[in-house]
Amino acid sequence: MKLKERMIGKLMDAYNKNPNSNLAKLISVVSEQIDNLNETFNRIDEWRDEEKAEGKELDRIGYSVRQSRGQVNDDIYRILIRSKRARDMSSGDINTIINVLALSIDTDPSEIQIEELWNDPDEPEPASIRVVRIPIARLNEVELTGNQFGRLVESTLASGVSVKQIDLSGTFEFGSVELETDSEAGFSNIDQEVGGFFGSVYQPVNDRDIPL
């Protein structure tokens, strides 16, 4: 029941409770203002949660953890804030790095796989890692580019440890000669409701495109 209806319902029977009466119209003016206040208070309460906060309020949350926004949008800024909190408690081991990345992009740790390269059979390299699996669909959802994610990975590592490569594998592939179909791997329709997506490979460069 709306506030206006509750207020009218509390009137004594001596008063005209018709919704179109002058008294009801007066109550309507007051109840609308109270409803607007309650809506504002609810929004303030919700925006204390970084998952719901937007704009300046999200900036305030970022400031509290000493994470600047730079030029990124709210979705990426939330990732940076979560990442900053997790990095501050990181011990630098592989499992912790995976958990930090998973928390940052809001995915399950099992979706991320990292290899140490000190014992790589082809190109061993001390103090270096390679990310061999990451949910690229999740990166696409939050519009996080490969370079931005690469910088995020670098920021979670201990001093002296480097990122050799990040494999951002897509799902697109051609079918066999028997013309098999797969709505998750082939070409998209006009509305882009089905189809696979391309991947890429991140290799470190000197640009710094997000504030870490």
C-alpha atoms as a PDB file:
ATOM      1  CA  MET A   1       0.000   0.000   0.000  1.00  0.00           C
ATOM      2  CA  LYS A   2       1.321   3.443  -0.951  1.00  0.00           C
ATOM      3  CA  LEU A   3       2.010   6.105   1.663  1.00  0.00           C
ATOM      4  CA  LYS A   4      -0.856   8.263   0.371  1.00  0.00           C
ATOM      5  CA  GLU A   5      -3.335   5.406   0.797  1.00  0.00           C
ATOM      6  CA  ARG A   6      -2.020   4.622   4.284  1.00  0.00           C
ATOM      7  CA  MET A   7      -2.331   8.258   5.345  1.00  0.00           C
ATOM      8  CA  ILE A   8      -5.898   8.534   4.047  1.00  0.00           C
ATOM      9  CA  GLY A   9      -6.778   5.231   5.723  1.00  0.00           C
ATOM     10  CA  LYS A  10      -5.701   6.626   9.115  1.00  0.00           C
ATOM     11  CA  LEU A  11      -8.193   9.514   8.907  1.00  0.00           C
ATOM     12  CA  MET A  12     -11.210   9.398  11.180  1.00  0.00           C
ATOM     13  CA  ASP A  13     -14.501   8.573   9.523  1.00  0.00           C
ATOM     14  CA  ALA A  14     -15.647  12.175  10.009  1.00  0.00           C
ATOM     15  CA  TYR A  15     -13.324  13.162   7.167  1.00  0.00           C
ATOM     16  CA  ASN A  16     -13.968  12.629   3.450  1.00  0.00           C
ATOM     17  CA  LYS A  17     -11.727   9.743   2.411  1.00  0.00           C
ATOM     18  CA  ASN A  18     -12.568  10.000  -1.277  1.00  0.00           C
ATOM     19  CA  PRO A  19      -9.256   9.835  -3.219  1.00  0.00           C
ATOM     20  CA  ASN A  20     -10.411  12.815  -5.303  1.00  0.00           C
ATOM     21  CA  SER A  21     -11.336  15.038  -2.370  1.00  0.00           C
ATOM     22  CA  ASN A  22      -9.416  18.231  -1.581  1.00  0.00           C
ATOM     23  CA  LEU A  23      -8.055  16.644   1.606  1.00  0.00           C
ATOM     24  CA  ALA A  24      -6.785  13.643  -0.352  1.00  0.00           C
ATOM     25  CA  LYS A  25      -5.106  15.981  -2.836  1.00  0.00           C
ATOM     26  CA  LEU A  26      -3.368  17.797   0.014  1.00  0.00           C
ATOM     27  CA  ILE A  27      -2.219  14.493   1.486  1.00  0.00           C
ATOM     28  CA  SER A  28      -0.986  13.506  -1.973  1.00  0.00           C
ATOM     29  CA  VAL A  29       1.307  16.549  -2.110  1.00  0.00           C
ATOM     30  CA  VAL A  30       2.799  15.703   1.299  1.00  0.00           C
ATOM     31  CA  SER A  31       3.123  11.964   0.618  1.00  0.00           C
ATOM     32  CA  GLU A  32       4.910  12.552  -2.690  1.00  0.00           C
ATOM     33  CA  GLN A  33       7.548  14.650  -0.931  1.00  0.00           C
ATOM     34  CA  ILE A  34       8.004  11.986   1.750  1.00  0.00           C
ATOM     35  CA  ASP A  35       8.266   9.290  -0.950  1.00  0.00           C
ATOM     36  CA  ASN A  36      10.953  11.345  -2.713  1.00  0.00           C
ATOM     37  CA  LEU A  37      12.889  11.678   0.542  1.00  0.00           C
ATOM     38  CA  ASN A  38      12.654   7.947   1.232  1.00  0.00           C
ATOM     39  CA  GLU A  39      13.843   7.198  -2.297  1.00  0.00           C
ATOM     40  CA  THR A  40      16.827   9.514  -1.805  1.00  0.00           C
ATOM     41  CA  PHE A  41      17.690   7.935   1.553  1.00  0.00           C
ATOM     42  CA  ASN A  42      17.472   4.453   0.025  1.00  0.00           C
ATOM     43  CA  ARG A  43      19.742   5.502  -2.837  1.00  0.00           C
ATOM     44  CA  ILE A  44      22.274   6.950  -0.373  1.00  0.00           C
ATOM     45  CA  ASP A  45      22.247   3.671   1.551  1.00  0.00           C
ATOM     46  CA  GLU A  46      22.640   1.606  -1.639  1.00  0.00           C
ATOM     47  CA  TRP A  47      25.490   3.751  -2.937  1.00  0.00           C
ATOM     48  CA  ARG A  48      27.580   2.886   0.073  1.00  0.00           C
ATOM     49  CA  ASP A  49      28.003  -0.425  -1.754  1.00  0.00           C
ATOM     50  CA  GLU A  50      30.653  -0.114  -4.471  1.00  0.00           C
ATOM     51  CA  GLU A  51      28.684  -2.506  -6.679  1.00  0.00           C
ATOM     52  CA  LYS A  52      25.800  -0.009  -6.826  1.00  0.00           C
ATOM     53  CA  ALA A  53      27.584   3.326  -6.375  1.00  0.00           C
ATOM     54  CA  GLU A  54      28.117   5.542  -9.402  1.00  0.00           C
ATOM     55  CA  GLY A  55      30.056   8.656 -10.326  1.00  0.00           C
ATOM     56  CA  LYS A  56      31.238  10.859  -7.474  1.00  0.00           C
ATOM     57  CA  GLU A  57      30.041   8.421  -4.816  1.00  0.00           C
ATOM     58  CA  LEU A  58      32.163   5.670  -6.368  1.00  0.00           C
ATOM     59  CA  ASP A  59      35.070   8.138  -6.417  1.00  0.00           C
ATOM     60  CA  ARG A  60      34.602   8.572  -2.668  1.00  0.00           C
ATOM     61  CA  ILE A  61      34.846   4.807  -2.136  1.00  0.00           C
ATOM     62  CA  GLY A  62      37.954   4.690  -4.313  1.00  0.00           C
ATOM     63  CA  TYR A  63      39.526   7.528  -2.338  1.00  0.00           C
ATOM     64  CA  SER A  64      38.988   5.583   0.893  1.00  0.00           C
ATOM     65  CA  VAL A  65      41.228   2.772  -0.424  1.00  0.00           C
ATOM     66  CA  ARG A  66      43.642   5.182  -2.178  1.00  0.00           C
ATOM     67  CA  GLN A  67      42.688   4.090  -5.675  1.00  0.00           C
ATOM     68  CA  SER A  68      42.397   6.901  -8.218  1.00  0.00           C
ATOM     69  CA  ARG A  69      39.957   6.646 -11.134  1.00  0.00           C
ATOM     70  CA  GLY A  70      41.953   8.123 -14.014  1.00  0.00           C
ATOM     71  CA  GLN A  71      39.774   8.150 -17.140  1.00  0.00           C
ATOM     72  CA  VAL A  72      38.065   4.764 -16.725  1.00  0.00           C
ATOM     73  CA  ASN A  73      34.315   4.174 -16.490  1.00  0.00           C
ATOM     74  CA  ASP A  74      32.459   3.006 -13.371  1.00  0.00           C
ATOM     75  CA  ASP A  75      32.617  -0.713 -14.265  1.00  0.00           C
ATOM     76  CA  ILE A  76      36.399  -0.722 -14.651  1.00  0.00           C
ATOM     77  CA  TYR A  77      36.823   1.529 -11.626  1.00  0.00           C
ATOM     78  CA  ARG A  78      34.990  -1.052  -9.496  1.00  0.00           C
ATOM     79  CA  ILE A  79      37.529  -3.639 -10.707  1.00  0.00           C
ATOM     80  CA  LEU A  80      40.392  -1.336  -9.697  1.00  0.00           C
ATOM     81  CA  ILE A  81      38.882  -0.773  -6.249  1.00  0.00           C
ATOM     82  CA  ARG A  82      38.385  -4.505  -5.633  1.00  0.00           C
ATOM     83  CA  SER A  83      41.859  -5.173  -6.962  1.00  0.00           C
ATOM     84  CA  LYS A  84      43.421  -2.525  -4.707  1.00  0.00           C
ATOM     85  CA  ARG A  85      41.853  -4.036  -1.598  1.00  0.00           C
ATOM     86  CA  ALA A  86      42.961  -7.530  -2.592  1.00  0.00           C
ATOM     87  CA  ARG A  87      46.482  -6.406  -3.568  1.00  0.00           C
ATOM     88  CA  ASP A  88      46.973  -4.739  -0.209  1.00  0.00           C
ATOM     89  CA  MET A  89      46.545  -8.164   1.425  1.00  0.00           C
ATOM     90  CA  SER A  90      48.387 -10.176  -1.231  1.00  0.00           C
ATOM     91  CA  SER A  91      51.384 -12.354  -0.301  1.00  0.00           C
ATOM     92  CA  GLY A  92      52.515 -12.616  -3.939  1.00  0.00           C
ATOM     93  CA  ASP A  93      52.242 -16.403  -4.408  1.00  0.00           C
ATOM     94  CA  ILE A  94      50.457 -17.897  -7.430  1.00  0.00           C
ATOM     95  CA  ASN A  95      47.277 -18.882  -5.591  1.00  0.00           C
ATOM     96  CA  THR A  96      46.962 -15.415  -4.087  1.00  0.00           C
ATOM     97  CA  ILE A  97      47.487 -13.791  -7.487  1.00  0.00           C
ATOM     98  CA  ILE A  98      44.720 -15.969  -8.944  1.00  0.00           C
ATOM     99  CA  ASN A  99      42.384 -15.075  -6.085  1.00  0.00           C
ATOM    100  CA  VAL A 100      43.151 -11.359  -6.469  1.00  0.00           C
ATOM    101  CA  LEU A 101      42.422 -11.453 -10.208  1.00  0.00           C
ATOM    102  CA  ALA A 102      39.263 -13.496  -9.696  1.00  0.00           C
ATOM    103  CA  LEU A 103      37.996 -11.065  -7.078  1.00  0.00           C
ATOM    104  CA  SER A 104      38.886  -8.104  -9.286  1.00  0.00           C
ATOM    105  CA  ILE A 105      36.885  -9.221 -12.310  1.00  0.00           C
ATOM    106  CA  ASP A 106      34.235 -11.026 -10.244  1.00  0.00           C
ATOM    107  CA  THR A 107      34.783 -14.555 -11.516  1.00  0.00           C
ATOM    108  CA  ASP A 108      35.582 -17.972 -10.046  1.00  0.00           C
ATOM    109  CA  PRO A 109      39.308 -18.649  -9.369  1.00  0.00           C
ATOM    110  CA  SER A 110      38.987 -21.915 -11.322  1.00  0.00           C
ATOM    111  CA  GLU A 111      38.516 -19.796 -14.477  1.00  0.00           C
ATOM    112  CA  ILE A 112      42.076 -18.478 -14.180  1.00  0.00           C
ATOM    113  CA  GLN A 113      45.262 -20.462 -14.732  1.00  0.00           C
ATOM    114  CA  ILE A 114      48.824 -19.183 -14.276  1.00  0.00           C
ATOM    115  CA  GLU A 115      52.118 -20.933 -15.045  1.00  0.00           C
ATOM    116  CA  GLU A 116      55.536 -20.159 -13.596  1.00  0.00           C
ATOM    117  CA  LEU A 117      58.202 -20.060 -16.307  1.00  0.00           C
ATOM    118  CA  TRP A 118      61.318 -20.918 -14.335  1.00  0.00           C
ATOM    119  CA  ASN A 119      60.851 -24.580 -15.329  1.00  0.00           C
ATOM    120  CA  ASP A 120      59.415 -24.020 -18.815  1.00  0.00           C
ATOM    121  CA  PRO A 121      60.823 -26.772 -21.115  1.00  0.00           C
ATOM    122  CA  ASP A 122      61.191 -24.444 -24.122  1.00  0.00           C
ATOM    123  CA  GLU A 123      62.009 -20.971 -22.783  1.00  0.00           C
ATOM    124  CA  PRO A 124      62.741 -21.072 -19.054  1.00  0.00           C
ATOM    125  CA  GLU A 125      62.777 -17.670 -17.439  1.00  0.00           C
ATOM    126  CA  PRO A 126      63.246 -16.968 -13.729  1.00  0.00           C
ATOM    127  CA  ALA A 127      60.833 -14.711 -11.834  1.00  0.00           C
ATOM    128  CA  SER A 128      58.333 -14.718 -14.683  1.00  0.00           C
ATOM    129  CA  ILE A 129      54.793 -15.999 -15.207  1.00  0.00           C
ATOM    130  CA  ARG A 130      52.381 -16.665 -18.040  1.00  0.00           C
ATOM    131  CA  VAL A 131      48.592 -16.440 -17.747  1.00  0.00           C
ATOM    132  CA  VAL A 132      47.270 -19.292 -19.869  1.00  0.00           C
ATOM    133  CA  ARG A 133      43.559 -19.079 -19.095  1.00  0.00           C
ATOM    134  CA  ILE A 134      41.264 -16.176 -18.308  1.00  0.00           C
ATOM    135  CA  PRO A 135      37.503 -15.682 -18.888  1.00  0.00           C
ATOM    136  CA  ILE A 136      37.744 -13.214 -21.764  1.00  0.00           C
ATOM    137  CA  ALA A 137      33.944 -13.028 -21.930  1.00  0.00           C
ATOM    138  CA  ARG A 138      34.015 -11.447 -18.473  1.00  0.00           C
ATOM    139  CA  LEU A 139      36.588  -8.876 -19.638  1.00  0.00           C
ATOM    140  CA  ASN A 140      34.324  -8.045 -22.568  1.00  0.00           C
ATOM    141  CA  GLU A 141      31.361  -7.570 -20.239  1.00  0.00           C
ATOM    142  CA  VAL A 142      33.135  -4.865 -18.250  1.00  0.00           C
ATOM    143  CA  GLU A 143      34.905  -3.463 -21.338  1.00  0.00           C
ATOM    144  CA  LEU A 144      38.361  -4.137 -19.927  1.00  0.00           C
ATOM    145  CA  THR A 145      40.931  -4.255 -22.724  1.00  0.00           C
ATOM    146  CA  GLY A 146      43.756  -6.767 -22.957  1.00  0.00           C
ATOM    147  CA  ASN A 147      46.341  -4.103 -22.128  1.00  0.00           C
ATOM    148  CA  GLN A 148      44.354  -2.906 -19.135  1.00  0.00           C
ATOM    149  CA  PHE A 149      44.015  -6.446 -17.802  1.00  0.00           C
ATOM    150  CA  GLY A 150      47.716  -6.991 -18.393  1.00  0.00           C
ATOM    151  CA  ARG A 151      48.548  -3.976 -16.241  1.00  0.00           C
ATOM    152  CA  LEU A 152      46.176  -5.295 -13.595  1.00  0.00           C
ATOM    153  CA  VAL A 153      48.035  -8.620 -13.549  1.00  0.00           C
ATOM    154  CA  GLU A 154      51.392  -6.845 -13.304  1.00  0.00           C
ATOM    155  CA  SER A 155      50.187  -4.823 -10.336  1.00  0.00           C
ATOM    156  CA  THR A 156      49.452  -8.012  -8.347  1.00  0.00           C
ATOM    157  CA  LEU A 157      52.968  -9.439  -8.692  1.00  0.00           C
ATOM    158  CA  ALA A 158      55.779  -9.157  -6.205  1.00  0.00           C
ATOM    159  CA  SER A 159      58.631  -6.811  -7.008  1.00  0.00           C
ATOM    160  CA  GLY A 160      61.008  -8.319  -9.586  1.00  0.00           C
ATOM    161  CA  VAL A 161      58.423 -10.728 -11.047  1.00  0.00           C
ATOM    162  CA  SER A 162      57.270 -10.050 -14.610  1.00  0.00           C
ATOM    163  CA  VAL A 163      54.429 -11.094 -16.899  1.00  0.00           C
ATOM    164  CA  LYS A 164      55.787 -12.832 -19.975  1.00  0.00           C
ATOM    165  CA  GLN A 165      52.464 -13.373 -21.739  1.00  0.00           C
ATOM    166  CA  ILE A 166      48.720 -13.492 -21.228  1.00  0.00           C
ATOM    167  CA  ASP A 167      46.728 -15.755 -23.508  1.00  0.00           C
ATOM    168  CA  LEU A 168      43.311 -14.176 -24.098  1.00  0.00           C
ATOM    169  CA  SER A 169      41.792 -17.020 -26.094  1.00  0.00           C
ATOM    170  CA  GLY A 170      38.470 -16.486 -27.847  1.00  0.00           C
ATOM    171  CA  THR A 171      35.810 -19.010 -28.803  1.00  0.00           C
ATOM    172  CA  PHE A 172      35.502 -18.400 -32.548  1.00  0.00           C
ATOM    173  CA  GLU A 173      36.338 -21.311 -34.845  1.00  0.00           C
ATOM    174  CA  PHE A 174      35.371 -22.663 -38.253  1.00  0.00           C
ATOM    175  CA  GLY A 175      33.301 -25.830 -38.547  1.00  0.00           C
ATOM    176  CA  SER A 176      34.351 -29.074 -40.203  1.00  0.00           C
ATOM    177  CA  VAL A 177      33.625 -29.973 -43.819  1.00  0.00           C
ATOM    178  CA  GLU A 178      30.391 -31.623 -42.624  1.00  0.00           C
ATOM    179  CA  LEU A 179      29.120 -28.101 -41.810  1.00  0.00           C
ATOM    180  CA  GLU A 180      28.609 -28.709 -38.116  1.00  0.00           C
ATOM    181  CA  THR A 181      27.080 -25.796 -36.225  1.00  0.00           C
ATOM    182  CA  ASP A 182      27.830 -24.298 -32.807  1.00  0.00           C
ATOM    183  CA  SER A 183      26.010 -21.182 -31.606  1.00  0.00           C
ATOM    184  CA  GLU A 184      28.870 -20.409 -29.213  1.00  0.00           C
ATOM    185  CA  ALA A 185      31.753 -20.686 -31.670  1.00  0.00           C
ATOM    186  CA  GLY A 186      30.712 -19.715 -35.201  1.00  0.00           C
ATOM    187  CA  PHE A 187      29.689 -16.498 -36.932  1.00  0.00           C
ATOM    188  CA  SER A 188      27.187 -14.194 -35.239  1.00  0.00           C
ATOM    189  CA  ASN A 189      23.714 -13.303 -36.447  1.00  0.00           C
ATOM    190  CA  ILE A 190      22.762  -9.698 -37.252  1.00  0.00           C
ATOM    191  CA  ASP A 191      21.673  -9.011 -33.668  1.00  0.00           C
ATOM    192  CA  GLN A 192      24.909 -10.570 -32.320  1.00  0.00           C
ATOM    193  CA  GLU A 193      22.948 -12.890 -30.044  1.00  0.00           C
ATOM    194  CA  VAL A 194      25.029 -15.967 -30.914  1.00  0.00           C
ATOM    195  CA  GLY A 195      28.504 -16.718 -32.218  1.00  0.00           C
ATOM    196  CA  GLY A 196      32.045 -16.888 -30.914  1.00  0.00           C
ATOM    197  CA  PHE A 197      34.447 -14.050 -30.158  1.00  0.00           C
ATOM    198  CA  PHE A 198      38.056 -13.478 -31.132  1.00  0.00           C
ATOM    199  CA  GLY A 199      40.901 -13.653 -28.654  1.00  0.00           C
ATOM    200  CA  SER A 200      44.290 -11.994 -28.446  1.00  0.00           C
ATOM    201  CA  VAL A 201      47.661 -12.327 -26.756  1.00  0.00           C
ATOM    202  CA  TYR A 202      48.938  -9.689 -24.341  1.00  0.00           C
ATOM    203  CA  GLN A 203      52.646  -8.996 -24.263  1.00  0.00           C
ATOM    204  CA  PRO A 204      54.049  -6.205 -22.069  1.00  0.00           C
ATOM    205  CA  VAL A 205      54.573  -2.767 -23.581  1.00  0.00           C
ATOM    206  CA  ASN A 206      55.442   0.564 -22.027  1.00  0.00           C
ATOM    207  CA  ASP A 207      51.997   2.207 -22.033  1.00  0.00           C
ATOM    208  CA  ARG A 208      50.157   2.873 -18.763  1.00  0.00           C
ATOM    209  CA  ASP A 209      46.467   3.211 -19.468  1.00  0.00           C
ATOM    210  CA  ILE A 210      44.876   2.624 -16.042  1.00  0.00           C
ATOM    211  CA  PRO A 211      45.932   4.080 -12.676  1.00  0.00           C
ATOM    212  CA  LEU A 212      47.586   1.270 -10.709  1.00  0.00           C
END
